[in-house]
Each structure stands twice: as C-alpha cells, then as structure tokens.
C-alpha cells in the first residue's frame, strides 16, 4: 500500500456481487472510518442510481456508469472527504482507472458464491429472473489483487464481517 496523500480523502471501494453484503457492511464501517480518518460519507451505487435517476443495465451501460461513479467520487475525495462506496463495480477497467486516478484508493472485495447469494437472497432480481444480472447473465471481472478480501458465506453476522474488515483496514497501516 502506498502512503496516503494527506490533503486527499480516501476511497474505500467496496465491490462484489449483488446482495453479497456490500452496502450493509460498508454502512457499518463508515462511523469508524469517520473517527479514524476524518470526514467520511457512505454512498452506494443504488443510492446514485436513484438520486440521479440512472437507467441502463447492459454491460456497456454499466461500464459507462462505473466511470461516471469514479469521476464523481474522485471529485469528493479531491476535497479531502473520505468515501465508503458500495458498488457492484466488477470491471477491471474501472478499478484500474481508480488505481491510476484516485490517489488514496483502497479496494475491498466482498467475496461471495453466487449459489449462496441466490439461496439467501431476498432481492427481486434473483427471484424474478431479471436480465443483465452479474454472475448470471453478465460475466463478472472479480478483483485480482484487492487490498482486502472479506469472505461472506452467510455464516457470520454483518457486524462480525464489518469488524473483520475494520481490522484488516487497520492492518494496512494507513
């Protein structure tokens, strides 16, 4: 991990399949991130989709949206605000763009088996057989070298997973 640039915020990019626990875990770590690293905000990809009324679920549309998310969050971190961002974000191109363009970038991968997600899911898109679902219709590009991996097999509470993640963030010696 490279040294943090003091005047920039940190982007904690929390990625994984839909319903892997990204948003729940990310929300739980945000207060500690705020206490430890300064002004912080939690944002999810779903929040941005809803707030900006973003449509489009094909691979190409999602790629474009991913770049837009990265640029928006870079704007925030450049002002010294940390962002805990929960997003599917399973494009190597977008994550490589982040590594290159966002000075304080930490990639966190919530690793979950698609079969477990479907088994435990309450999300309509798995039940209704919607189109353009990562891991079903769209082939995900899982992170190859994330800074942190958290395995969610749905045997631990999200509180325990959040504590595990915070411990791993602390071990990065930021």
Foldseek 3Di string as FASTA:
>chain_A
DDDADQQFAAEEEEAEFPQLCLLVLLVVQFVVCCVPQNAEDEEEPVNVCVVVVDDDQAPVSVVVVLQVVLVVVLVVRNRVYYYHYYYNPQDPVSVVCNPVRRRRYAYEYADEDPVLCLVPDPDVCSVVVDPRGDPPHDDGNGDPDGQYYQYCSPPDDSNVSSVVVVVSVVVVVD
